[in-house]
Amino acid sequence: MNPSEPIPPLKPAHLLLQLLLAAASFPLQAQEAIVDTTRLTYTLFFPTPYYRVNYTYESVAPDGTTPVTLSSALFFPQRIFERTKLVAIGSEDFNASGLVLNNHYTITTRDQAPTVTSSPQIEGPFVTLGPDVITISPDGYGFGITADKPQTYLMADATARNNIDAVKAARRLLKQMGYTCGNLFAQFGYSQGGHSTLAVQRYFDTHDPDPEAITHIDYTLCGAGPYDLSAMMDSLLIPGAMYSYPCALALIAAGQIEGASLDISFSDIFPQPLDTKVIDWIDGKELTADAINDSIFAITGGDGKTGTLVSNILRTDNLSRTNPQMVPFFQAVDDNSLVSEWQPNDKTRFFIYHSRNDEIVPYYNMEHLRDFLRDDCGLDSDRLEVESTKGFHTEAATNFVLNVINKIAYLQTDYLAAAEDLPIIDLSNDPSNASSHNHNSIPSGWFTLHGHRLPAAPTSPGLYLHNGRKVLIR
């Protein structure tokens, strides 16, 4: 699906990139550096090339102060990497309309890091079928260059700091490489990535923006994330609760212990022999999540369909909010819940997506996030779109990615039109039903669905208005 290919000879325009690649073989001196470049292909109806540029950058460890070098990937559509198509924004031409941050879903092996592989479910389709943007996919603390460290699973601020620093480094590298980008910025993520995406948003909205990193977020798209980690943990500890994805419990426990530097051991949370085995499986970074699940089921009983009693996986007698020893653990869980005590800025648009049949991340996570953004924060339907779907957790991911591709493509179309400073026509009456309108009242020409007039027929995929009728461009 995504075979690596030898990178073809670089064009003269890529001389600077070639020099940077050569320099990467020397000891790291700068804050960020290119490590390697790979030409990949994504096959849907026919093979489509795209490029991955791996780089290292400086950030901080989970304690928020200790310096650490992390790794990330930049994904380029072929037309952008090879500079065969420019994007016109106002009176200027750019290589890309902007940047998109992709916050990765749950990974457990070294080989699943974005700098090592390219997901056929995420980066492949988004980069080859999506808008004219460059995608940033950080490995995160615990993968890539820091694969010897425990990952900070669902540690909101730690993840947000690292991923925002990845954007900052990417902007500097792209400038060094000679690429120019418009001002569009969006971010998305599914499952763990959904939580990470919202964590980036919360961090951005509760800290002073770094003008070299993220100055604004146009669109935040979250799919099936455990946003209310506190409620999720409490529901799992109800007597008789069953769970079918036990490796998540191990990842959550390890993430809270590592991220908050808790003086709590795995033997305080897991019964024998899981207390030693699960940490070896997680920190070893050799087993997939399914393999870890099967290993846990082999000890506790149950399977991926029926699940197993949570009390077989966790020491529910000890893991209690009333146990003074465990207060710091639950405080960390509460701190990493994202559905209270912050206020989004007045510009970012949100799309939140979840399947009612999700067997891994309970649907109430999305309901709690929806209610928080809508009722507590006051976001109206123009700023908050919610979509419920059907299917299991993994199955629903495909439709989420298609939504992301389409919605960021629409965002790009609106962004390009707005950058032209073109007039906005009042299309409050539904122009898709032309028979209900006076012919003279229907504006001619091409428009986005938000009413921005386009200077010419659109070339990006999406849904548009042409002479008062909806037209789908593929």
Protein backbone atom coordinates (compact mmCIF):
# COMPACT_ATOMS: atom_id res chain seq x y z
CA MET A 1 0.00 0.00 0.00
CA ASN A 2 2.81 2.40 0.89
CA PRO A 3 6.11 0.95 -0.37
CA SER A 4 9.23 3.04 0.08
CA GLU A 5 11.06 3.88 -3.12
CA PRO A 6 14.52 5.31 -3.75
CA ILE A 7 14.22 9.06 -3.94
CA PRO A 8 14.79 10.31 -7.51
CA PRO A 9 17.56 12.79 -8.26
CA LEU A 10 16.70 16.18 -6.86
CA LYS A 11 16.03 19.02 -9.26
CA PRO A 12 18.26 22.12 -9.14
CA ALA A 13 15.55 23.84 -7.10
CA HIS A 14 16.18 21.25 -4.41
CA LEU A 15 19.89 21.94 -4.01
CA LEU A 16 19.39 23.42 -0.55
CA LEU A 17 17.41 20.34 0.52
CA GLN A 18 20.25 18.14 -0.75
CA LEU A 19 22.77 20.12 1.29
CA LEU A 20 20.61 19.82 4.39
CA LEU A 21 20.33 16.07 3.94
CA ALA A 22 24.09 15.79 3.68
CA ALA A 23 24.55 17.95 6.76
CA ALA A 24 22.28 15.65 8.77
CA SER A 25 25.05 13.04 8.87
CA PHE A 26 27.09 15.36 11.12
CA PRO A 27 26.42 15.90 14.85
CA LEU A 28 23.28 17.93 15.45
CA GLN A 29 24.18 21.57 15.98
CA ALA A 30 20.97 23.41 15.18
CA GLN A 31 17.61 23.19 16.90
CA GLU A 32 16.20 21.10 14.07
CA ALA A 33 17.69 19.10 11.22
CA ILE A 34 16.54 16.90 8.36
CA VAL A 35 17.34 13.23 8.85
CA ASP A 36 16.15 11.58 5.62
CA THR A 37 13.70 11.86 2.74
CA THR A 38 11.61 9.00 1.33
CA ARG A 39 9.40 8.76 -1.74
CA LEU A 40 6.24 6.78 -0.94
CA THR A 41 3.18 5.71 -2.89
CA TYR A 42 -0.46 5.41 -1.90
CA THR A 43 -2.64 3.19 -4.08
CA LEU A 44 -6.37 3.68 -4.32
CA PHE A 45 -7.31 3.38 -7.99
CA PHE A 46 -3.73 3.89 -9.14
CA PRO A 47 -0.38 4.50 -7.39
CA THR A 48 0.13 8.12 -6.34
CA PRO A 49 3.54 9.30 -5.11
CA TYR A 50 4.11 11.52 -2.10
CA TYR A 51 7.11 12.36 0.07
CA ARG A 52 8.12 12.08 3.70
CA VAL A 53 10.88 14.24 5.18
CA ASN A 54 11.95 13.18 8.68
CA TYR A 55 13.47 15.75 11.01
CA THR A 56 14.56 16.18 14.61
CA TYR A 57 13.69 19.11 16.84
CA GLU A 58 14.12 20.40 20.36
CA SER A 59 11.36 20.24 22.95
CA VAL A 60 10.95 19.33 26.61
CA ALA A 61 10.39 16.09 28.50
CA PRO A 62 7.10 15.39 30.31
CA ASP A 63 8.29 17.37 33.35
CA GLY A 64 8.00 20.50 31.21
CA THR A 65 11.58 21.68 31.72
CA THR A 66 14.17 19.03 30.81
CA PRO A 67 15.39 19.55 27.22
CA VAL A 68 14.87 16.63 24.85
CA THR A 69 15.37 16.00 21.14
CA LEU A 70 12.31 14.53 19.41
CA SER A 71 11.50 13.40 15.88
CA SER A 72 8.71 14.21 13.44
CA ALA A 73 7.78 13.79 9.80
CA LEU A 74 6.69 16.22 7.11
CA PHE A 75 4.44 14.77 4.41
CA PHE A 76 4.31 16.48 1.02
CA PRO A 77 1.96 15.87 -1.90
CA GLN A 78 4.04 15.24 -5.00
CA ARG A 79 2.97 18.50 -6.63
CA ILE A 80 4.22 20.47 -3.61
CA PHE A 81 7.47 18.60 -3.01
CA GLU A 82 8.45 18.73 -6.69
CA ARG A 83 7.14 22.30 -7.02
CA THR A 84 5.04 21.58 -10.09
CA LYS A 85 1.99 23.56 -8.98
CA LEU A 86 1.71 26.87 -7.16
CA VAL A 87 -1.26 28.04 -5.11
CA ALA A 88 -2.39 31.59 -5.84
CA ILE A 89 -3.37 33.50 -2.72
CA GLY A 90 -4.25 37.10 -3.40
CA SER A 91 -1.47 38.57 -5.51
CA GLU A 92 1.14 36.01 -4.34
CA ASP A 93 1.99 32.41 -5.25
CA PHE A 94 2.82 29.79 -2.62
CA ASN A 95 3.94 26.16 -2.67
CA ALA A 96 1.17 25.26 -0.22
CA SER A 97 -1.89 26.96 1.18
CA GLY A 98 -0.81 26.12 4.71
CA LEU A 99 0.08 23.48 7.28
CA VAL A 100 -1.92 20.69 8.92
CA LEU A 101 -0.91 18.97 12.17
CA ASN A 102 -1.74 15.26 12.29
CA ASN A 103 -1.79 13.89 15.84
CA HIS A 104 -1.27 10.14 15.57
CA TYR A 105 -3.61 7.47 16.91
CA THR A 106 -2.57 4.78 19.43
CA ILE A 107 0.67 3.09 18.42
CA THR A 108 2.64 0.54 20.45
CA THR A 109 5.58 -0.52 18.25
CA ARG A 110 8.65 1.35 17.01
CA ASP A 111 7.65 0.55 13.43
CA GLN A 112 4.33 2.41 13.74
CA ALA A 113 5.91 5.82 14.35
CA PRO A 114 5.18 8.37 11.59
CA THR A 115 8.90 8.72 10.81
CA VAL A 116 9.11 4.97 10.20
CA THR A 117 5.90 4.14 8.42
CA SER A 118 3.14 5.95 6.59
CA SER A 119 -0.33 4.87 7.61
CA PRO A 120 -2.47 3.73 4.66
CA GLN A 121 -5.48 4.87 6.69
CA ILE A 122 -4.23 8.38 7.57
CA GLU A 123 -1.25 10.04 5.89
CA GLY A 124 -1.54 8.16 2.59
CA PRO A 125 -5.09 9.18 1.66
CA PHE A 126 -4.91 12.60 3.30
CA VAL A 127 -1.71 13.66 1.56
CA THR A 128 -2.58 12.29 -1.87
CA LEU A 129 -6.31 13.06 -1.95
CA GLY A 130 -6.44 16.12 0.27
CA PRO A 131 -5.84 19.87 -0.16
CA ASP A 132 -2.64 21.72 -1.09
CA VAL A 133 -1.07 21.56 2.38
CA ILE A 134 2.03 20.15 4.05
CA THR A 135 1.28 17.74 6.89
CA ILE A 136 3.23 17.56 10.15
CA SER A 137 3.14 14.18 11.95
CA PRO A 138 5.15 14.11 15.21
CA ASP A 139 6.32 10.78 16.65
CA GLY A 140 5.76 12.07 20.17
CA TYR A 141 7.75 11.38 23.30
CA GLY A 142 8.38 7.63 23.48
CA PHE A 143 8.69 6.93 19.75
CA GLY A 144 11.09 7.71 16.96
CA ILE A 145 14.30 9.05 18.38
CA THR A 146 13.00 8.58 21.96
CA ALA A 147 11.71 5.03 21.52
CA ASP A 148 13.73 4.04 24.60
CA LYS A 149 11.45 6.25 26.76
CA PRO A 150 7.95 5.40 28.07
CA GLN A 151 5.34 7.16 25.94
CA THR A 152 3.28 9.92 27.52
CA TYR A 153 -0.03 8.32 26.65
CA LEU A 154 -2.98 10.73 27.02
CA MET A 155 -0.82 13.24 28.89
CA ALA A 156 -2.44 16.37 27.49
CA ASP A 157 0.00 19.20 28.19
CA ALA A 158 3.11 17.09 27.61
CA THR A 159 1.82 15.98 24.21
CA ALA A 160 0.63 19.46 23.29
CA ARG A 161 4.00 21.06 24.08
CA ASN A 162 5.86 18.48 22.02
CA ASN A 163 3.54 18.72 19.02
CA ILE A 164 3.47 22.52 19.03
CA ASP A 165 7.27 22.50 19.09
CA ALA A 166 7.17 20.15 16.09
CA VAL A 167 5.15 22.79 14.20
CA LYS A 168 7.61 25.50 15.20
CA ALA A 169 10.56 23.48 13.94
CA ALA A 170 8.71 22.54 10.74
CA ARG A 171 8.12 26.20 9.89
CA ARG A 172 11.83 26.96 10.24
CA LEU A 173 12.87 23.94 8.21
CA LEU A 174 10.43 24.68 5.41
CA LYS A 175 11.76 28.20 5.22
CA GLN A 176 15.32 26.86 5.01
CA MET A 177 14.24 24.43 2.30
CA GLY A 178 12.74 27.28 0.29
CA TYR A 179 9.09 26.30 0.59
CA THR A 180 6.46 28.99 1.10
CA CYS A 181 3.10 28.42 2.77
CA GLY A 182 -0.07 30.41 3.14
CA ASN A 183 -1.59 31.15 6.51
CA LEU A 184 -4.08 28.25 6.71
CA PHE A 185 -3.58 26.04 9.76
CA ALA A 186 -5.68 23.06 10.83
CA GLN A 187 -5.18 19.96 12.95
CA PHE A 188 -6.81 16.56 13.29
CA GLY A 189 -6.49 13.21 15.04
CA TYR A 190 -8.40 10.03 15.76
CA SER A 191 -8.61 7.98 19.00
CA GLN A 192 -5.51 8.89 21.02
CA GLY A 193 -4.96 11.44 18.26
CA GLY A 194 -8.39 12.93 18.95
CA HIS A 195 -7.38 13.51 22.57
CA SER A 196 -4.00 14.93 21.46
CA THR A 197 -5.70 17.27 18.98
CA LEU A 198 -7.99 18.69 21.65
CA ALA A 199 -5.01 18.89 24.02
CA VAL A 200 -3.16 21.07 21.50
CA GLN A 201 -6.26 23.25 21.23
CA ARG A 202 -6.58 23.60 25.01
CA TYR A 203 -2.89 24.39 25.39
CA PHE A 204 -3.07 26.98 22.62
CA ASP A 205 -6.11 28.62 24.21
CA THR A 206 -4.68 28.69 27.73
CA HIS A 207 -1.13 29.90 26.94
CA ASP A 208 0.32 32.85 25.07
CA PRO A 209 0.69 31.85 21.40
CA ASP A 210 4.23 31.40 20.13
CA PRO A 211 4.45 33.57 16.99
CA GLU A 212 6.98 31.13 15.51
CA ALA A 213 4.76 28.10 16.09
CA ILE A 214 0.95 28.33 16.04
CA THR A 215 -0.58 31.80 15.89
CA HIS A 216 -4.11 30.61 15.13
CA ILE A 217 -6.04 27.39 14.51
CA ASP A 218 -8.61 27.58 11.73
CA TYR A 219 -10.04 24.10 12.18
CA THR A 220 -9.76 21.38 14.85
CA LEU A 221 -11.14 17.97 13.86
CA CYS A 222 -11.36 15.31 16.58
CA GLY A 223 -12.44 11.72 16.10
CA ALA A 224 -13.33 9.17 18.79
CA GLY A 225 -11.02 10.49 21.48
CA PRO A 226 -11.13 9.75 25.24
CA TYR A 227 -11.66 13.43 26.06
CA ASP A 228 -13.27 12.74 29.42
CA LEU A 229 -10.59 10.45 30.77
CA SER A 230 -11.89 10.98 34.30
CA ALA A 231 -15.40 9.69 33.51
CA MET A 232 -13.95 6.84 31.48
CA MET A 233 -11.75 5.67 34.34
CA ASP A 234 -14.61 5.93 36.83
CA SER A 235 -16.91 3.87 34.58
CA LEU A 236 -14.27 1.17 34.18
CA LEU A 237 -13.99 0.82 37.95
CA ILE A 238 -17.69 0.11 38.46
CA PRO A 239 -18.04 -3.45 39.85
CA GLY A 240 -18.70 -5.93 37.07
CA ALA A 241 -17.43 -3.62 34.28
CA MET A 242 -16.08 -5.41 31.20
CA TYR A 243 -13.53 -4.12 28.71
CA SER A 244 -12.37 -5.48 25.36
CA TYR A 245 -9.22 -3.41 24.76
CA PRO A 246 -7.14 -4.00 27.91
CA CYS A 247 -3.86 -2.67 26.52
CA ALA A 248 -5.43 0.82 26.74
CA LEU A 249 -5.64 0.44 30.51
CA ALA A 250 -1.94 -0.36 30.66
CA LEU A 251 -1.11 2.57 28.38
CA ILE A 252 -3.23 4.97 30.46
CA ALA A 253 -1.61 3.81 33.70
CA ALA A 254 1.90 4.06 32.28
CA GLY A 255 1.14 7.42 30.71
CA GLN A 256 -0.10 8.98 33.93
CA ILE A 257 2.77 7.56 35.99
CA GLU A 258 5.41 8.74 33.51
CA GLY A 259 3.85 12.05 32.56
CA ALA A 260 3.11 13.18 36.12
CA SER A 261 6.21 11.53 37.67
CA LEU A 262 4.00 9.69 40.16
CA ASP A 263 5.44 7.69 43.02
CA ILE A 264 3.21 4.77 42.09
CA SER A 265 4.34 1.40 40.74
CA PHE A 266 2.61 -0.97 38.32
CA SER A 267 2.15 -3.41 41.19
CA ASP A 268 -0.12 -0.79 42.81
CA ILE A 269 -2.38 -0.89 39.76
CA PHE A 270 -2.05 -4.36 38.20
CA PRO A 271 -2.25 -7.78 39.85
CA GLN A 272 0.48 -10.37 39.38
CA PRO A 273 1.76 -11.37 36.86
CA LEU A 274 0.40 -8.45 34.82
CA ASP A 275 2.25 -5.94 36.98
CA THR A 276 5.57 -6.95 35.43
CA LYS A 277 4.46 -8.28 32.08
CA VAL A 278 2.40 -5.32 30.81
CA ILE A 279 5.16 -2.80 31.45
CA ASP A 280 7.59 -5.03 29.53
CA TRP A 281 5.15 -5.34 26.64
CA ILE A 282 4.51 -1.60 26.50
CA ASP A 283 8.05 -0.38 27.01
CA GLY A 284 9.47 -3.05 24.70
CA LYS A 285 7.72 -1.36 21.72
CA GLU A 286 7.71 -4.68 19.82
CA LEU A 287 4.08 -5.84 20.17
CA THR A 288 1.08 -4.36 18.42
CA ALA A 289 -1.92 -3.35 20.50
CA ASP A 290 -3.79 -6.46 19.35
CA ALA A 291 -0.88 -8.66 20.39
CA ILE A 292 -0.78 -7.01 23.83
CA ASN A 293 -4.54 -7.50 24.16
CA ASP A 294 -4.22 -11.19 23.28
CA SER A 295 -1.41 -11.61 25.80
CA ILE A 296 -3.55 -10.03 28.53
CA PHE A 297 -6.57 -12.19 27.59
CA ALA A 298 -4.35 -15.28 27.82
CA ILE A 299 -3.80 -14.45 31.49
CA THR A 300 -7.17 -12.97 32.48
CA GLY A 301 -9.52 -14.87 30.19
CA GLY A 302 -11.95 -13.33 27.73
CA ASP A 303 -11.37 -12.09 24.21
CA GLY A 304 -11.73 -9.04 21.99
CA LYS A 305 -15.43 -9.66 21.39
CA THR A 306 -16.73 -10.34 24.89
CA GLY A 307 -13.94 -8.58 26.76
CA THR A 308 -12.90 -9.47 30.28
CA LEU A 309 -13.70 -8.17 33.73
CA VAL A 310 -11.79 -5.00 34.50
CA SER A 311 -11.20 -6.44 37.96
CA ASN A 312 -9.15 -9.16 36.25
CA ILE A 313 -6.88 -6.50 34.72
CA LEU A 314 -6.69 -3.83 37.43
CA ARG A 315 -6.40 -3.95 41.19
CA THR A 316 -9.79 -2.35 41.63
CA ASP A 317 -9.51 -2.88 45.40
CA ASN A 318 -6.52 -0.53 45.48
CA LEU A 319 -7.27 1.70 42.49
CA SER A 320 -9.85 3.88 44.20
CA ARG A 321 -10.38 7.61 44.59
CA THR A 322 -10.77 7.02 48.32
CA ASN A 323 -7.32 5.46 48.62
CA PRO A 324 -4.88 8.25 49.66
CA GLN A 325 -2.05 6.51 47.81
CA MET A 326 -3.99 6.79 44.56
CA VAL A 327 -5.07 10.44 44.89
CA PRO A 328 -2.16 11.66 42.70
CA PHE A 329 -3.10 9.13 40.00
CA PHE A 330 -6.69 10.32 39.85
CA GLN A 331 -5.54 13.94 39.95
CA ALA A 332 -3.47 13.23 36.83
CA VAL A 333 -6.48 11.57 35.20
CA ASP A 334 -8.61 14.63 36.00
CA ASP A 335 -5.93 17.01 34.71
CA ASN A 336 -5.85 15.13 31.40
CA SER A 337 -9.60 15.28 30.93
CA LEU A 338 -10.42 18.02 28.44
CA VAL A 339 -14.12 18.74 28.92
CA SER A 340 -14.00 21.48 31.56
CA GLU A 341 -12.23 24.57 32.86
CA TRP A 342 -10.99 26.17 29.63
CA GLN A 343 -12.47 28.43 26.98
CA PRO A 344 -11.79 28.07 23.24
CA ASN A 345 -10.83 31.20 21.32
CA ASP A 346 -13.48 32.91 19.21
CA LYS A 347 -12.12 31.84 15.80
CA THR A 348 -11.43 28.09 15.71
CA ARG A 349 -14.06 25.84 14.17
CA PHE A 350 -14.57 22.35 15.62
CA PHE A 351 -15.64 19.07 14.07
CA ILE A 352 -16.14 16.19 16.52
CA TYR A 353 -16.95 12.71 15.32
CA HIS A 354 -17.73 9.44 17.09
CA SER A 355 -19.45 6.13 16.50
CA ARG A 356 -22.28 5.17 18.82
CA ASN A 357 -21.04 1.57 18.56
CA ASP A 358 -17.48 2.36 19.61
CA GLU A 359 -16.31 -0.58 21.70
CA ILE A 360 -12.98 0.98 22.75
CA VAL A 361 -13.64 4.66 23.50
CA PRO A 362 -17.17 5.06 24.92
CA TYR A 363 -19.49 7.36 22.99
CA TYR A 364 -20.17 9.50 26.05
CA ASN A 365 -16.72 11.02 25.57
CA MET A 366 -18.04 12.81 22.50
CA GLU A 367 -21.29 13.74 24.24
CA HIS A 368 -19.41 15.32 27.12
CA LEU A 369 -17.15 17.26 24.74
CA ARG A 370 -20.15 18.39 22.68
CA ASP A 371 -22.02 19.59 25.75
CA PHE A 372 -18.94 21.40 27.06
CA LEU A 373 -18.25 23.23 23.79
CA ARG A 374 -21.89 24.00 23.07
CA ASP A 375 -23.43 24.63 26.47
CA ASP A 376 -20.51 25.78 28.62
CA CYS A 377 -18.41 27.55 25.98
CA GLY A 378 -21.26 28.86 23.83
CA LEU A 379 -20.15 27.57 20.43
CA ASP A 380 -22.97 27.75 17.89
CA SER A 381 -23.53 25.51 14.88
CA ASP A 382 -21.25 27.67 12.71
CA ARG A 383 -18.35 26.89 15.04
CA LEU A 384 -19.23 23.37 16.16
CA GLU A 385 -20.22 20.47 13.93
CA VAL A 386 -21.00 17.08 15.45
CA GLU A 387 -21.34 13.82 13.56
CA SER A 388 -22.43 10.48 14.96
CA THR A 389 -21.87 7.37 12.92
CA LYS A 390 -22.08 3.60 13.20
CA GLY A 391 -19.46 0.90 13.23
CA PHE A 392 -16.71 -0.20 15.54
CA HIS A 393 -13.81 2.02 16.56
CA THR A 394 -11.40 1.04 13.79
CA GLU A 395 -14.07 0.86 11.08
CA ALA A 396 -15.29 4.38 11.84
CA ALA A 397 -11.78 5.78 11.38
CA THR A 398 -11.99 5.50 7.58
CA ASN A 399 -15.06 7.71 7.39
CA PHE A 400 -13.42 10.20 9.76
CA VAL A 401 -10.43 10.56 7.43
CA LEU A 402 -12.76 11.15 4.47
CA ASN A 403 -14.50 13.84 6.50
CA VAL A 404 -11.15 15.44 7.32
CA ILE A 405 -10.10 15.46 3.66
CA ASN A 406 -13.35 17.10 2.56
CA LYS A 407 -13.64 19.60 5.38
CA ILE A 408 -10.07 20.86 5.14
CA ALA A 409 -10.50 21.07 1.37
CA TYR A 410 -13.57 23.27 1.94
CA LEU A 411 -11.60 25.31 4.45
CA GLN A 412 -8.88 25.82 1.85
CA THR A 413 -11.42 26.93 -0.72
CA ASP A 414 -12.88 29.48 1.68
CA TYR A 415 -9.41 30.58 2.72
CA LEU A 416 -8.28 31.15 -0.86
CA ALA A 417 -11.45 33.09 -1.64
CA ALA A 418 -11.17 35.21 1.50
CA ALA A 419 -7.52 35.92 0.76
CA GLU A 420 -8.62 37.41 -2.55
CA ASP A 421 -10.74 39.88 -0.55
CA LEU A 422 -13.70 39.05 -2.80
CA PRO A 423 -17.28 40.04 -1.93
CA ILE A 424 -19.52 37.74 0.06
CA ILE A 425 -22.94 37.27 -1.53
CA ASP A 426 -26.00 36.64 0.62
CA LEU A 427 -27.01 33.06 -0.14
CA SER A 428 -29.21 32.60 2.90
CA ASN A 429 -32.01 31.34 0.64
CA ASP A 430 -31.15 27.81 -0.45
CA PRO A 431 -29.91 28.22 -4.03
CA SER A 432 -29.77 24.47 -4.60
CA ASN A 433 -33.50 24.53 -5.37
CA ALA A 434 -33.41 27.02 -8.24
CA SER A 435 -37.09 26.57 -9.08
CA SER A 436 -38.09 28.25 -5.82
CA HIS A 437 -36.30 31.49 -6.66
CA ASN A 438 -36.66 34.27 -9.11
CA HIS A 439 -34.04 33.58 -11.79
CA ASN A 440 -32.70 37.11 -11.56
CA SER A 441 -32.07 36.75 -7.80
CA ILE A 442 -29.62 33.85 -8.23
CA PRO A 443 -26.05 35.14 -8.43
CA SER A 444 -24.00 33.81 -11.35
CA GLY A 445 -20.50 32.42 -11.03
CA TRP A 446 -18.72 30.09 -8.61
CA PHE A 447 -19.08 30.31 -4.80
CA THR A 448 -18.07 28.32 -1.75
CA LEU A 449 -20.88 26.99 0.39
CA HIS A 450 -20.17 29.85 2.82
CA GLY A 451 -20.89 32.44 0.13
CA HIS A 452 -17.38 33.48 -0.94
CA ARG A 453 -17.22 34.25 -4.66
CA LEU A 454 -14.37 32.42 -6.41
CA PRO A 455 -12.30 34.13 -9.12
CA ALA A 456 -12.61 31.09 -11.43
CA ALA A 457 -13.90 27.54 -11.55
CA PRO A 458 -12.41 25.62 -8.59
CA THR A 459 -9.78 22.94 -9.14
CA SER A 460 -9.75 21.50 -5.60
CA PRO A 461 -12.21 18.68 -4.80
CA GLY A 462 -15.27 19.75 -2.87
CA LEU A 463 -18.87 20.96 -2.99
CA TYR A 464 -19.48 24.40 -4.52
CA LEU A 465 -22.27 26.64 -5.79
CA HIS A 466 -22.34 27.44 -9.51
CA ASN A 467 -25.06 29.72 -10.82
CA GLY A 468 -27.18 28.86 -7.81
CA ARG A 469 -26.79 25.09 -8.00
CA LYS A 470 -24.63 22.77 -5.91
CA VAL A 471 -21.80 21.16 -7.88
CA LEU A 472 -19.47 18.43 -6.67
CA ILE A 473 -15.89 18.69 -7.96
CA ARG A 474 -13.98 15.40 -7.68
